[in-house]
Amino acid sequence: MIIMDLGRRMTLSYMMNRMAPGIIGSERSAAYVRAIYDAVA
């Protein structure tokens, strides 16, 4: 997963080590993104 936040001039990258069903993402990846945004807020 790659997220480019142009407004904050920030890029996030996350590589999972365990595949999960579906292509939308998992709760773990969502928690990772929330933690990053909480840290920079």
N, C-alpha and C. Protein backbone atom coordinates (compact mmCIF):
# COMPACT_ATOMS: atom_id res chain seq x y z
N MET A 1 0.85 -1.15 0.00
CA MET A 1 0.00 0.00 0.00
C MET A 1 0.91 1.23 0.00
N ILE A 2 0.59 2.17 -0.86
CA ILE A 2 1.30 3.44 -0.92
C ILE A 2 0.26 4.55 -0.84
N ILE A 3 0.49 5.51 0.02
CA ILE A 3 -0.38 6.69 0.12
C ILE A 3 0.48 7.92 -0.06
N MET A 4 0.13 8.75 -1.03
CA MET A 4 0.82 10.02 -1.23
C MET A 4 -0.12 11.13 -0.80
N ASP A 5 0.19 11.80 0.29
CA ASP A 5 -0.59 12.92 0.81
C ASP A 5 0.10 14.20 0.35
N LEU A 6 -0.38 14.75 -0.75
CA LEU A 6 0.27 15.93 -1.33
C LEU A 6 0.11 17.16 -0.45
N GLY A 7 -0.99 17.26 0.26
CA GLY A 7 -1.21 18.40 1.14
C GLY A 7 -0.20 18.47 2.28
N ARG A 8 0.21 17.33 2.77
CA ARG A 8 1.19 17.28 3.86
C ARG A 8 2.60 16.99 3.38
N ARG A 9 2.74 16.82 2.07
CA ARG A 9 4.03 16.49 1.47
C ARG A 9 4.63 15.25 2.15
N MET A 10 3.80 14.19 2.22
CA MET A 10 4.17 12.99 2.96
C MET A 10 3.76 11.76 2.14
N THR A 11 4.60 10.75 2.16
CA THR A 11 4.29 9.48 1.51
C THR A 11 4.39 8.36 2.55
N LEU A 12 3.38 7.50 2.59
CA LEU A 12 3.37 6.35 3.49
C LEU A 12 3.48 5.08 2.65
N SER A 13 4.21 4.14 3.16
CA SER A 13 4.36 2.86 2.48
C SER A 13 4.19 1.74 3.50
N TYR A 14 3.47 0.69 3.11
CA TYR A 14 3.23 -0.44 4.00
C TYR A 14 3.26 -1.72 3.17
N MET A 15 4.09 -2.64 3.55
CA MET A 15 4.16 -3.93 2.86
C MET A 15 3.74 -5.01 3.84
N MET A 16 2.66 -5.69 3.50
CA MET A 16 2.17 -6.73 4.41
C MET A 16 3.03 -7.99 4.29
N ASN A 17 3.11 -8.72 5.38
CA ASN A 17 3.87 -9.96 5.36
C ASN A 17 2.96 -11.18 5.38
N ARG A 18 1.66 -10.93 5.39
CA ARG A 18 0.68 -12.02 5.38
C ARG A 18 -0.51 -11.58 4.54
N MET A 19 -0.82 -12.33 3.51
CA MET A 19 -1.94 -11.98 2.64
C MET A 19 -3.26 -12.23 3.35
N ALA A 20 -4.19 -11.33 3.10
CA ALA A 20 -5.54 -11.48 3.63
C ALA A 20 -6.50 -11.51 2.44
N PRO A 21 -7.67 -12.07 2.62
CA PRO A 21 -8.62 -12.09 1.50
C PRO A 21 -9.08 -10.66 1.17
N GLY A 22 -9.31 -10.40 -0.10
CA GLY A 22 -9.81 -9.10 -0.52
C GLY A 22 -8.70 -8.20 -1.03
N ILE A 23 -9.10 -7.12 -1.68
CA ILE A 23 -8.12 -6.19 -2.24
C ILE A 23 -8.24 -4.79 -1.64
N ILE A 24 -9.18 -4.57 -0.78
CA ILE A 24 -9.42 -3.25 -0.23
C ILE A 24 -8.42 -2.90 0.88
N GLY A 25 -7.99 -3.85 1.62
CA GLY A 25 -7.10 -3.59 2.75
C GLY A 25 -7.64 -4.27 3.99
N SER A 26 -6.84 -4.24 5.03
CA SER A 26 -7.26 -4.90 6.25
C SER A 26 -7.37 -3.89 7.39
N GLU A 27 -7.87 -4.35 8.49
CA GLU A 27 -7.97 -3.50 9.68
C GLU A 27 -6.57 -3.14 10.19
N ARG A 28 -5.61 -4.05 10.00
CA ARG A 28 -4.23 -3.77 10.42
C ARG A 28 -3.63 -2.62 9.63
N SER A 29 -3.84 -2.61 8.32
CA SER A 29 -3.29 -1.52 7.52
C SER A 29 -3.99 -0.20 7.83
N ALA A 30 -5.29 -0.24 8.09
CA ALA A 30 -6.02 0.97 8.47
C ALA A 30 -5.51 1.51 9.81
N ALA A 31 -5.22 0.63 10.75
CA ALA A 31 -4.69 1.05 12.05
C ALA A 31 -3.31 1.68 11.89
N TYR A 32 -2.50 1.14 10.99
CA TYR A 32 -1.18 1.69 10.71
C TYR A 32 -1.30 3.12 10.19
N VAL A 33 -2.19 3.34 9.23
CA VAL A 33 -2.37 4.67 8.66
C VAL A 33 -2.90 5.64 9.71
N ARG A 34 -3.86 5.20 10.53
CA ARG A 34 -4.38 6.07 11.59
C ARG A 34 -3.28 6.45 12.58
N ALA A 35 -2.42 5.52 12.93
CA ALA A 35 -1.35 5.80 13.89
C ALA A 35 -0.36 6.81 13.31
N ILE A 36 -0.05 6.70 12.03
CA ILE A 36 0.87 7.66 11.40
C ILE A 36 0.26 9.04 11.40
N TYR A 37 -1.01 9.17 10.99
CA TYR A 37 -1.65 10.48 10.96
C TYR A 37 -1.82 11.06 12.37
N ASP A 38 -2.07 10.22 13.35
CA ASP A 38 -2.14 10.70 14.74
C ASP A 38 -0.80 11.24 15.20
N ALA A 39 0.28 10.61 14.76
CA ALA A 39 1.62 11.02 15.18
C ALA A 39 2.02 12.36 14.57
N VAL A 40 1.58 12.65 13.37
CA VAL A 40 1.99 13.89 12.72
C VAL A 40 0.99 15.02 12.91
N ALA A 41 -0.13 14.73 13.51
CA ALA A 41 -1.17 15.76 13.73
C ALA A 41 -0.80 16.71 14.84
